Amino acid sequence: MIKNFVIIIGAMKCGTSSLYNYIAKHPEICSCIKKEPKFFSTNDTFKMEDYQNLWVDYDPSIHKMALEASTTYTKTPHFPDCAERISEFSKEHDLNFHFIYIMRNPFDRIESTYIDGQVKGWKSTEKLSKTESIHKNLISTSKYFTQVNKYSNYFTNDNILMLSLDELISDKEATLLKVFDFLNLDESISKKCASLLDKVYNSRSEKLVVSSFFKKAARFLEHNIPFDDGFRTLRRKIKKIVGKQVDESLYRLSDYQKEMVYSELEDDMKRLQDVYKFDVKEWGFEFSELKN
């Protein structure tokens, strides 16, 4: 039975796909059968056998930890009980969980979510008038202190690693070494892992809008044929042919909206800095200097 787990709990649109794929290449890590199982957010029952079966390739003679990345785990208040559910599950089955929470400039994160919503056809993010209010879910998931503090209520801070997308972009190798040290893994990055550090997963260049027919056809095929790497590659190639790039300029926040977002997030960002000593100055939030 797998005893040790590491979960990238968010935040959405903050580089979780890239981080997940980088970590998954470590030889002592076993990745989940799908990146986001959403086990503790969308299930009604939590059976140990069901969770264990998400890692069919786990080999106890090789692997030290099982990895998943479900951003729904930090979407309070939409999914408010994930941290508590994981805590109860951990105690019931005597498991050990580590959590990684990666954050991003919230203004950039909100814009990126609107772009992603346009690609996926979400009605809540299908347009962004320069004078309209930002969707409340985008504000709540940008309250990083509120989201991660849920986990501090049930787990020690030694089990929670907080990162920023900025540091991952500026020095991927150093960031991965920090992650491997946090997880007590061999810090020597394998050639296989290092060779993928230049690849960015789920990037804006991959954000292509396709017709509803293509989306329906892709969903039909996913449910009726084996969904392997070959199928994913074929789908990406077809999407590049039939898709069109999102006009990102349509989803830039206006000065009015930035002021509103700042006002909504100011208290949360102050607490993120004061409690977790996380510097938010580069995101435009000016508070008194951090105390060591």
C-alpha atoms as a PDB file:
ATOM      1  CA  MET A   1       0.000   0.000   0.000  1.00  0.00           C
ATOM      2  CA  ILE A   2       1.226   3.472  -0.876  1.00  0.00           C
ATOM      3  CA  LYS A   3       1.834   5.532   2.263  1.00  0.00           C
ATOM      4  CA  ASN A   4       3.482   8.739   1.043  1.00  0.00           C
ATOM      5  CA  PHE A   5       1.779  11.245  -1.237  1.00  0.00           C
ATOM      6  CA  VAL A   6       2.615  14.672  -2.615  1.00  0.00           C
ATOM      7  CA  ILE A   7      -0.172  16.828  -3.997  1.00  0.00           C
ATOM      8  CA  ILE A   8       0.204  20.015  -5.996  1.00  0.00           C
ATOM      9  CA  ILE A   9      -2.919  21.709  -4.627  1.00  0.00           C
ATOM     10  CA  GLY A  10      -2.840  24.784  -6.874  1.00  0.00           C
ATOM     11  CA  ALA A  11      -3.210  27.492  -7.641  1.00  0.00           C
ATOM     12  CA  MET A  12      -4.988  27.167 -10.972  1.00  0.00           C
ATOM     13  CA  LYS A  13      -3.163  28.841 -13.914  1.00  0.00           C
ATOM     14  CA  CYS A  14       0.035  29.187 -11.891  1.00  0.00           C
ATOM     15  CA  GLY A  15       2.252  26.646 -13.646  1.00  0.00           C
ATOM     16  CA  THR A  16       0.887  23.495 -12.014  1.00  0.00           C
ATOM     17  CA  SER A  17       1.065  21.494 -15.261  1.00  0.00           C
ATOM     18  CA  SER A  18       4.726  22.304 -15.837  1.00  0.00           C
ATOM     19  CA  LEU A  19       5.635  21.709 -12.192  1.00  0.00           C
ATOM     20  CA  TYR A  20       3.758  18.404 -12.182  1.00  0.00           C
ATOM     21  CA  ASN A  21       5.530  17.164 -15.315  1.00  0.00           C
ATOM     22  CA  TYR A  22       8.956  18.218 -14.031  1.00  0.00           C
ATOM     23  CA  ILE A  23       8.482  16.481 -10.675  1.00  0.00           C
ATOM     24  CA  ALA A  24       6.971  13.394 -12.317  1.00  0.00           C
ATOM     25  CA  LYS A  25      10.269  12.739 -14.107  1.00  0.00           C
ATOM     26  CA  HIS A  26      12.092  12.153 -10.847  1.00  0.00           C
ATOM     27  CA  PRO A  27      12.809   8.400 -10.647  1.00  0.00           C
ATOM     28  CA  GLU A  28      11.533   8.159  -7.072  1.00  0.00           C
ATOM     29  CA  ILE A  29       8.158   9.705  -7.989  1.00  0.00           C
ATOM     30  CA  CYS A  30       5.185   7.779  -9.364  1.00  0.00           C
ATOM     31  CA  SER A  31       2.716   9.995 -11.213  1.00  0.00           C
ATOM     32  CA  CYS A  32      -1.044   9.566 -11.136  1.00  0.00           C
ATOM     33  CA  ILE A  33      -2.929   7.953 -14.038  1.00  0.00           C
ATOM     34  CA  LYS A  34      -4.275  11.462 -14.652  1.00  0.00           C
ATOM     35  CA  LYS A  35      -2.875  14.757 -13.435  1.00  0.00           C
ATOM     36  CA  GLU A  36      -6.043  15.982 -11.707  1.00  0.00           C
ATOM     37  CA  PRO A  37      -8.062  13.120 -10.186  1.00  0.00           C
ATOM     38  CA  LYS A  38      -9.998  15.605  -7.989  1.00  0.00           C
ATOM     39  CA  PHE A  39     -10.537  12.729  -5.574  1.00  0.00           C
ATOM     40  CA  PHE A  40     -11.114  14.822  -2.457  1.00  0.00           C
ATOM     41  CA  SER A  41     -13.194  17.522  -4.136  1.00  0.00           C
ATOM     42  CA  THR A  42     -15.714  15.751  -6.352  1.00  0.00           C
ATOM     43  CA  ASN A  43     -16.241  12.357  -4.708  1.00  0.00           C
ATOM     44  CA  ASP A  44     -18.997  11.500  -2.259  1.00  0.00           C
ATOM     45  CA  THR A  45     -17.158   8.487  -0.859  1.00  0.00           C
ATOM     46  CA  PHE A  46     -13.466   8.103  -0.149  1.00  0.00           C
ATOM     47  CA  LYS A  47     -12.398   4.486  -0.464  1.00  0.00           C
ATOM     48  CA  MET A  48      -8.751   3.698   0.100  1.00  0.00           C
ATOM     49  CA  GLU A  49      -8.731   1.163  -2.720  1.00  0.00           C
ATOM     50  CA  ASP A  50     -10.036   3.747  -5.207  1.00  0.00           C
ATOM     51  CA  TYR A  51      -7.339   6.243  -4.274  1.00  0.00           C
ATOM     52  CA  GLN A  52      -4.553   3.666  -4.398  1.00  0.00           C
ATOM     53  CA  ASN A  53      -5.685   2.536  -7.842  1.00  0.00           C
ATOM     54  CA  LEU A  54      -4.828   5.963  -9.246  1.00  0.00           C
ATOM     55  CA  TRP A  55      -1.159   4.856  -9.234  1.00  0.00           C
ATOM     56  CA  VAL A  56      -1.131   1.604 -11.184  1.00  0.00           C
ATOM     57  CA  ASP A  57       2.618   1.852 -11.911  1.00  0.00           C
ATOM     58  CA  TYR A  58       3.701   2.323  -8.305  1.00  0.00           C
ATOM     59  CA  ASP A  59       6.671   0.105  -7.446  1.00  0.00           C
ATOM     60  CA  PRO A  60       7.692   0.202  -3.751  1.00  0.00           C
ATOM     61  CA  SER A  61      11.206  -0.950  -4.666  1.00  0.00           C
ATOM     62  CA  ILE A  62      11.669   2.202  -6.780  1.00  0.00           C
ATOM     63  CA  HIS A  63       9.182   4.875  -5.793  1.00  0.00           C
ATOM     64  CA  LYS A  64       9.095   6.852  -2.557  1.00  0.00           C
ATOM     65  CA  MET A  65       6.059   9.025  -3.237  1.00  0.00           C
ATOM     66  CA  ALA A  66       2.885   9.150  -5.329  1.00  0.00           C
ATOM     67  CA  LEU A  67       2.138  12.444  -7.112  1.00  0.00           C
ATOM     68  CA  GLU A  68      -1.098  14.138  -8.140  1.00  0.00           C
ATOM     69  CA  ALA A  69      -2.087  17.745  -8.890  1.00  0.00           C
ATOM     70  CA  SER A  70      -5.699  18.801  -8.346  1.00  0.00           C
ATOM     71  CA  THR A  71      -6.250  22.556  -8.352  1.00  0.00           C
ATOM     72  CA  THR A  72      -9.820  22.046  -7.135  1.00  0.00           C
ATOM     73  CA  TYR A  73      -8.275  21.386  -3.710  1.00  0.00           C
ATOM     74  CA  THR A  74      -7.696  25.144  -3.342  1.00  0.00           C
ATOM     75  CA  LYS A  75     -11.003  26.451  -4.642  1.00  0.00           C
ATOM     76  CA  THR A  76     -12.655  27.559  -1.432  1.00  0.00           C
ATOM     77  CA  PRO A  77     -15.541  28.324  -1.117  1.00  0.00           C
ATOM     78  CA  HIS A  78     -16.564  26.215  -4.146  1.00  0.00           C
ATOM     79  CA  PHE A  79     -14.887  23.127  -2.624  1.00  0.00           C
ATOM     80  CA  PRO A  80     -14.492  24.165   1.020  1.00  0.00           C
ATOM     81  CA  ASP A  81     -13.677  20.858   2.731  1.00  0.00           C
ATOM     82  CA  CYS A  82     -10.758  19.384   0.795  1.00  0.00           C
ATOM     83  CA  ALA A  83      -8.094  19.965   3.457  1.00  0.00           C
ATOM     84  CA  GLU A  84     -10.315  18.481   6.155  1.00  0.00           C
ATOM     85  CA  ARG A  85     -11.171  15.481   3.977  1.00  0.00           C
ATOM     86  CA  ILE A  86      -7.504  14.776   3.242  1.00  0.00           C
ATOM     87  CA  SER A  87      -6.678  15.108   6.937  1.00  0.00           C
ATOM     88  CA  GLU A  88      -9.384  12.646   7.951  1.00  0.00           C
ATOM     89  CA  PHE A  89      -8.382  10.264   5.176  1.00  0.00           C
ATOM     90  CA  SER A  90      -4.749  10.496   6.244  1.00  0.00           C
ATOM     91  CA  LYS A  91      -5.505   9.720   9.885  1.00  0.00           C
ATOM     92  CA  GLU A  92      -7.897   6.897   9.065  1.00  0.00           C
ATOM     93  CA  HIS A  93      -5.373   5.063   6.882  1.00  0.00           C
ATOM     94  CA  ASP A  94      -2.116   6.229   8.511  1.00  0.00           C
ATOM     95  CA  LEU A  95      -0.860   8.080   5.442  1.00  0.00           C
ATOM     96  CA  ASN A  96       1.619  10.900   4.975  1.00  0.00           C
ATOM     97  CA  PHE A  97       0.776  13.868   2.736  1.00  0.00           C
ATOM     98  CA  HIS A  98       2.969  16.685   1.482  1.00  0.00           C
ATOM     99  CA  PHE A  99       1.504  19.687  -0.321  1.00  0.00           C
ATOM    100  CA  ILE A 100       2.943  22.112  -2.874  1.00  0.00           C
ATOM    101  CA  TYR A 101       1.150  25.408  -3.488  1.00  0.00           C
ATOM    102  CA  ILE A 102       2.475  27.500  -6.371  1.00  0.00           C
ATOM    103  CA  MET A 103       1.263  31.097  -6.767  1.00  0.00           C
ATOM    104  CA  ARG A 104       1.384  33.758  -9.449  1.00  0.00           C
ATOM    105  CA  ASN A 105       0.838  37.474  -9.841  1.00  0.00           C
ATOM    106  CA  PRO A 106      -2.959  37.452  -9.280  1.00  0.00           C
ATOM    107  CA  PHE A 107      -3.653  39.973 -12.044  1.00  0.00           C
ATOM    108  CA  ASP A 108      -1.859  37.759 -14.578  1.00  0.00           C
ATOM    109  CA  ARG A 109      -3.571  34.692 -13.145  1.00  0.00           C
ATOM    110  CA  ILE A 110      -7.034  36.192 -13.604  1.00  0.00           C
ATOM    111  CA  GLU A 111      -6.293  37.203 -17.202  1.00  0.00           C
ATOM    112  CA  SER A 112      -4.943  33.727 -17.932  1.00  0.00           C
ATOM    113  CA  THR A 113      -8.063  32.131 -16.489  1.00  0.00           C
ATOM    114  CA  TYR A 114     -10.300  34.215 -18.742  1.00  0.00           C
ATOM    115  CA  ILE A 115      -8.236  33.101 -21.748  1.00  0.00           C
ATOM    116  CA  ASP A 116      -8.436  29.478 -20.644  1.00  0.00           C
ATOM    117  CA  GLY A 117     -12.165  29.835 -20.118  1.00  0.00           C
ATOM    118  CA  GLN A 118     -12.598  31.102 -23.667  1.00  0.00           C
ATOM    119  CA  VAL A 119     -10.733  28.055 -24.989  1.00  0.00           C
ATOM    120  CA  LYS A 120     -12.810  25.653 -22.908  1.00  0.00           C
ATOM    121  CA  GLY A 121     -16.091  27.412 -23.554  1.00  0.00           C
ATOM    122  CA  TRP A 122     -16.902  28.418 -19.982  1.00  0.00           C
ATOM    123  CA  LYS A 123     -19.891  30.766 -20.013  1.00  0.00           C
ATOM    124  CA  SER A 124     -18.691  32.495 -16.841  1.00  0.00           C
ATOM    125  CA  THR A 125     -15.530  33.707 -18.608  1.00  0.00           C
ATOM    126  CA  GLU A 126     -16.692  34.017 -22.195  1.00  0.00           C
ATOM    127  CA  LYS A 127     -16.186  37.771 -22.275  1.00  0.00           C
ATOM    128  CA  LEU A 128     -14.504  40.541 -20.282  1.00  0.00           C
ATOM    129  CA  SER A 129     -15.937  44.020 -20.637  1.00  0.00           C
ATOM    130  CA  LYS A 130     -13.484  46.626 -19.362  1.00  0.00           C
ATOM    131  CA  THR A 131     -16.046  47.959 -16.889  1.00  0.00           C
ATOM    132  CA  GLU A 132     -17.589  44.768 -15.569  1.00  0.00           C
ATOM    133  CA  SER A 133     -16.732  43.158 -12.251  1.00  0.00           C
ATOM    134  CA  ILE A 134     -14.351  40.214 -12.154  1.00  0.00           C
ATOM    135  CA  HIS A 135     -16.053  36.881 -11.620  1.00  0.00           C
ATOM    136  CA  LYS A 136     -16.205  36.147  -7.878  1.00  0.00           C
ATOM    137  CA  ASN A 137     -14.624  32.699  -8.284  1.00  0.00           C
ATOM    138  CA  LEU A 138     -11.527  34.274  -9.830  1.00  0.00           C
ATOM    139  CA  ILE A 139     -11.217  36.589  -6.854  1.00  0.00           C
ATOM    140  CA  SER A 140     -11.652  33.844  -4.258  1.00  0.00           C
ATOM    141  CA  THR A 141      -9.089  31.522  -5.859  1.00  0.00           C
ATOM    142  CA  SER A 142      -6.633  34.427  -5.962  1.00  0.00           C
ATOM    143  CA  LYS A 143      -6.832  34.770  -2.180  1.00  0.00           C
ATOM    144  CA  TYR A 144      -3.756  32.661  -1.673  1.00  0.00           C
ATOM    145  CA  PHE A 145      -3.546  33.074   2.089  1.00  0.00           C
ATOM    146  CA  THR A 146      -7.147  31.973   2.551  1.00  0.00           C
ATOM    147  CA  GLN A 147      -6.665  28.936   0.332  1.00  0.00           C
ATOM    148  CA  VAL A 148      -3.384  27.631   1.750  1.00  0.00           C
ATOM    149  CA  ASN A 149      -4.261  28.482   5.351  1.00  0.00           C
ATOM    150  CA  LYS A 150      -6.970  25.819   5.176  1.00  0.00           C
ATOM    151  CA  TYR A 151      -4.159  23.277   5.030  1.00  0.00           C
ATOM    152  CA  SER A 152      -2.199  24.885   7.843  1.00  0.00           C
ATOM    153  CA  ASN A 153      -5.217  24.239  10.052  1.00  0.00           C
ATOM    154  CA  TYR A 154      -4.820  20.481   9.572  1.00  0.00           C
ATOM    155  CA  PHE A 155      -1.161  19.910   8.643  1.00  0.00           C
ATOM    156  CA  THR A 156       2.129  21.282   9.908  1.00  0.00           C
ATOM    157  CA  ASN A 157       3.971  23.871   7.851  1.00  0.00           C
ATOM    158  CA  ASP A 158       6.753  21.308   7.383  1.00  0.00           C
ATOM    159  CA  ASN A 159       4.333  19.474   5.107  1.00  0.00           C
ATOM    160  CA  ILE A 160       3.506  22.529   2.985  1.00  0.00           C
ATOM    161  CA  LEU A 161       5.825  24.092   0.411  1.00  0.00           C
ATOM    162  CA  MET A 162       4.887  27.444  -1.101  1.00  0.00           C
ATOM    163  CA  LEU A 163       6.407  28.495  -4.419  1.00  0.00           C
ATOM    164  CA  SER A 164       5.905  31.216  -6.990  1.00  0.00           C
ATOM    165  CA  LEU A 165       5.663  30.861 -10.745  1.00  0.00           C
ATOM    166  CA  ASP A 166       8.277  33.613 -11.004  1.00  0.00           C
ATOM    167  CA  GLU A 167      10.945  31.490  -9.308  1.00  0.00           C
ATOM    168  CA  LEU A 168      10.025  28.429 -11.372  1.00  0.00           C
ATOM    169  CA  ILE A 169      10.425  30.433 -14.578  1.00  0.00           C
ATOM    170  CA  SER A 170      13.631  32.209 -13.536  1.00  0.00           C
ATOM    171  CA  ASP A 171      15.453  29.108 -12.231  1.00  0.00           C
ATOM    172  CA  LYS A 172      13.717  25.794 -12.838  1.00  0.00           C
ATOM    173  CA  GLU A 173      16.613  23.674 -11.613  1.00  0.00           C
ATOM    174  CA  ALA A 174      16.945  25.515  -8.290  1.00  0.00           C
ATOM    175  CA  THR A 175      13.184  25.327  -7.772  1.00  0.00           C
ATOM    176  CA  LEU A 176      13.172  21.593  -8.416  1.00  0.00           C
ATOM    177  CA  LEU A 177      16.059  21.110  -6.006  1.00  0.00           C
ATOM    178  CA  LYS A 178      13.983  22.917  -3.392  1.00  0.00           C
ATOM    179  CA  VAL A 179      11.069  20.573  -4.121  1.00  0.00           C
ATOM    180  CA  PHE A 180      13.246  17.449  -3.957  1.00  0.00           C
ATOM    181  CA  ASP A 181      14.750  18.609  -0.658  1.00  0.00           C
ATOM    182  CA  PHE A 182      11.243  19.260   0.701  1.00  0.00           C
ATOM    183  CA  LEU A 183      10.199  15.732  -0.290  1.00  0.00           C
ATOM    184  CA  ASN A 184      13.451  14.166   0.936  1.00  0.00           C
ATOM    185  CA  LEU A 185      14.226  12.790  -2.518  1.00  0.00           C
ATOM    186  CA  ASP A 186      17.535  12.342  -4.272  1.00  0.00           C
ATOM    187  CA  GLU A 187      18.442  15.901  -5.259  1.00  0.00           C
ATOM    188  CA  SER A 188      20.564  14.898  -8.221  1.00  0.00           C
ATOM    189  CA  ILE A 189      18.290  15.658 -11.155  1.00  0.00           C
ATOM    190  CA  SER A 190      18.323  12.822 -13.643  1.00  0.00           C
ATOM    191  CA  LYS A 191      19.184  13.509 -17.284  1.00  0.00           C
ATOM    192  CA  LYS A 192      15.635  12.613 -18.192  1.00  0.00           C
ATOM    193  CA  CYS A 193      14.262  15.263 -15.856  1.00  0.00           C
ATOM    194  CA  ALA A 194      16.795  17.914 -16.797  1.00  0.00           C
ATOM    195  CA  SER A 195      16.162  17.424 -20.502  1.00  0.00           C
ATOM    196  CA  LEU A 196      12.576  18.627 -20.061  1.00  0.00           C
ATOM    197  CA  LEU A 197      13.278  21.809 -18.126  1.00  0.00           C
ATOM    198  CA  ASP A 198      12.945  23.967 -21.233  1.00  0.00           C
ATOM    199  CA  LYS A 199       9.471  22.664 -22.064  1.00  0.00           C
ATOM    200  CA  VAL A 200       6.464  24.647 -20.833  1.00  0.00           C
ATOM    201  CA  TYR A 201       3.250  22.689 -20.407  1.00  0.00           C
ATOM    202  CA  ASN A 202      -0.230  24.081 -21.039  1.00  0.00           C
ATOM    203  CA  SER A 203       1.252  27.347 -22.300  1.00  0.00           C
ATOM    204  CA  ARG A 204      -0.618  30.206 -23.942  1.00  0.00           C
ATOM    205  CA  SER A 205       0.706  29.136 -27.333  1.00  0.00           C
ATOM    206  CA  GLU A 206      -1.384  25.985 -26.927  1.00  0.00           C
ATOM    207  CA  LYS A 207      -4.582  27.977 -26.302  1.00  0.00           C
ATOM    208  CA  LEU A 208      -6.520  27.423 -29.477  1.00  0.00           C
ATOM    209  CA  VAL A 209     -10.270  27.897 -29.875  1.00  0.00           C
ATOM    210  CA  VAL A 210     -11.991  25.123 -31.798  1.00  0.00           C
ATOM    211  CA  SER A 211     -15.564  24.547 -32.915  1.00  0.00           C
ATOM    212  CA  SER A 212     -18.125  22.896 -30.658  1.00  0.00           C
ATOM    213  CA  PHE A 213     -18.210  20.023 -33.176  1.00  0.00           C
ATOM    214  CA  PHE A 214     -14.513  19.314 -32.620  1.00  0.00           C
ATOM    215  CA  LYS A 215     -14.984  19.421 -28.837  1.00  0.00           C
ATOM    216  CA  LYS A 216     -17.929  17.009 -28.983  1.00  0.00           C
ATOM    217  CA  ALA A 217     -16.053  14.664 -31.321  1.00  0.00           C
ATOM    218  CA  ALA A 218     -12.987  14.677 -29.054  1.00  0.00           C
ATOM    219  CA  ARG A 219     -15.115  13.906 -25.980  1.00  0.00           C
ATOM    220  CA  PHE A 220     -16.863  11.080 -27.842  1.00  0.00           C
ATOM    221  CA  LEU A 221     -13.546   9.517 -28.842  1.00  0.00           C
ATOM    222  CA  GLU A 222     -12.141   9.875 -25.310  1.00  0.00           C
ATOM    223  CA  HIS A 223     -15.039   7.812 -23.977  1.00  0.00           C
ATOM    224  CA  ASN A 224     -14.940   5.173 -26.688  1.00  0.00           C
ATOM    225  CA  ILE A 225     -11.302   4.485 -27.542  1.00  0.00           C
ATOM    226  CA  PRO A 226      -8.153   4.026 -25.427  1.00  0.00           C
ATOM    227  CA  PHE A 227      -6.918   7.486 -24.428  1.00  0.00           C
ATOM    228  CA  ASP A 228      -3.144   7.046 -24.742  1.00  0.00           C
ATOM    229  CA  ASP A 229      -0.251   9.334 -25.652  1.00  0.00           C
ATOM    230  CA  GLY A 230      -0.754   8.577 -29.337  1.00  0.00           C
ATOM    231  CA  PHE A 231      -4.318   9.853 -29.205  1.00  0.00           C
ATOM    232  CA  ARG A 232      -3.258  12.991 -27.330  1.00  0.00           C
ATOM    233  CA  THR A 233      -0.620  13.724 -29.973  1.00  0.00           C
ATOM    234  CA  LEU A 234      -3.111  13.231 -32.799  1.00  0.00           C
ATOM    235  CA  ARG A 235      -5.667  15.491 -31.098  1.00  0.00           C
ATOM    236  CA  ARG A 236      -3.085  18.262 -30.653  1.00  0.00           C
ATOM    237  CA  LYS A 237      -2.097  18.072 -34.332  1.00  0.00           C
ATOM    238  CA  ILE A 238      -5.707  18.270 -35.497  1.00  0.00           C
ATOM    239  CA  LYS A 239      -6.386  21.127 -33.069  1.00  0.00           C
ATOM    240  CA  LYS A 240      -3.484  23.127 -34.530  1.00  0.00           C
ATOM    241  CA  ILE A 241      -5.002  22.732 -37.979  1.00  0.00           C
ATOM    242  CA  VAL A 242      -8.622  23.579 -37.168  1.00  0.00           C
ATOM    243  CA  GLY A 243      -8.129  25.918 -34.199  1.00  0.00           C
ATOM    244  CA  LYS A 244      -7.496  29.632 -34.005  1.00  0.00           C
ATOM    245  CA  GLN A 245      -5.455  31.565 -31.465  1.00  0.00           C
ATOM    246  CA  VAL A 246      -7.268  33.449 -28.720  1.00  0.00           C
ATOM    247  CA  ASP A 247      -7.069  37.238 -28.981  1.00  0.00           C
ATOM    248  CA  GLU A 248      -5.452  37.853 -25.584  1.00  0.00           C
ATOM    249  CA  SER A 249      -5.952  41.622 -25.818  1.00  0.00           C
ATOM    250  CA  LEU A 250      -9.666  41.058 -25.212  1.00  0.00           C
ATOM    251  CA  TYR A 251      -8.908  39.692 -21.749  1.00  0.00           C
ATOM    252  CA  ARG A 252      -6.560  42.300 -20.330  1.00  0.00           C
ATOM    253  CA  LEU A 253      -7.741  43.871 -17.101  1.00  0.00           C
ATOM    254  CA  SER A 254      -8.508  47.576 -17.279  1.00  0.00           C
ATOM    255  CA  ASP A 255      -7.055  49.990 -14.710  1.00  0.00           C
ATOM    256  CA  TYR A 256     -10.486  50.098 -13.098  1.00  0.00           C
ATOM    257  CA  GLN A 257     -10.557  46.312 -12.775  1.00  0.00           C
ATOM    258  CA  LYS A 258      -7.015  46.163 -11.442  1.00  0.00           C
ATOM    259  CA  GLU A 259      -7.933  48.654  -8.723  1.00  0.00           C
ATOM    260  CA  MET A 260     -10.971  46.568  -7.834  1.00  0.00           C
ATOM    261  CA  VAL A 261      -8.919  43.351  -7.702  1.00  0.00           C
ATOM    262  CA  TYR A 262      -6.287  45.077  -5.560  1.00  0.00           C
ATOM    263  CA  SER A 263      -8.964  46.211  -3.120  1.00  0.00           C
ATOM    264  CA  GLU A 264     -10.476  42.712  -2.941  1.00  0.00           C
ATOM    265  CA  LEU A 265      -7.114  40.999  -2.372  1.00  0.00           C
ATOM    266  CA  GLU A 266      -5.259  43.558  -0.265  1.00  0.00           C
ATOM    267  CA  ASP A 267      -6.073  42.096   3.150  1.00  0.00           C
ATOM    268  CA  ASP A 268      -5.384  38.535   2.017  1.00  0.00           C
ATOM    269  CA  MET A 269      -2.033  39.503   0.494  1.00  0.00           C
ATOM    270  CA  LYS A 270      -1.049  41.312   3.677  1.00  0.00           C
ATOM    271  CA  ARG A 271      -1.761  38.174   5.683  1.00  0.00           C
ATOM    272  CA  LEU A 272       0.132  36.039   3.167  1.00  0.00           C
ATOM    273  CA  GLN A 273       3.154  38.258   3.740  1.00  0.00           C
ATOM    274  CA  ASP A 274       2.827  38.556   7.519  1.00  0.00           C
ATOM    275  CA  VAL A 275       2.001  34.922   8.335  1.00  0.00           C
ATOM    276  CA  TYR A 276       3.979  33.030   5.679  1.00  0.00           C
ATOM    277  CA  LYS A 277       6.702  35.645   5.016  1.00  0.00           C
ATOM    278  CA  PHE A 278       5.895  35.518   1.321  1.00  0.00           C
ATOM    279  CA  ASP A 279       7.003  38.664  -0.505  1.00  0.00           C
ATOM    280  CA  VAL A 280       4.140  40.064  -2.586  1.00  0.00           C
ATOM    281  CA  LYS A 281       5.835  43.353  -3.535  1.00  0.00           C
ATOM    282  CA  GLU A 282       6.597  42.266  -7.103  1.00  0.00           C
ATOM    283  CA  TRP A 283       2.868  41.733  -7.601  1.00  0.00           C
ATOM    284  CA  GLY A 284       2.238  45.385  -6.787  1.00  0.00           C
ATOM    285  CA  PHE A 285       1.110  45.018  -3.159  1.00  0.00           C
ATOM    286  CA  GLU A 286       3.029  47.502  -1.055  1.00  0.00           C
ATOM    287  CA  PHE A 287       3.179  46.801   2.667  1.00  0.00           C
ATOM    288  CA  SER A 288       5.771  47.323   5.381  1.00  0.00           C
ATOM    289  CA  GLU A 289       8.989  45.360   5.051  1.00  0.00           C
ATOM    290  CA  LEU A 290       8.976  41.630   5.743  1.00  0.00           C
ATOM    291  CA  LYS A 291      10.202  40.639   9.187  1.00  0.00           C
ATOM    292  CA  ASN A 292      12.595  37.717   9.523  1.00  0.00           C
END
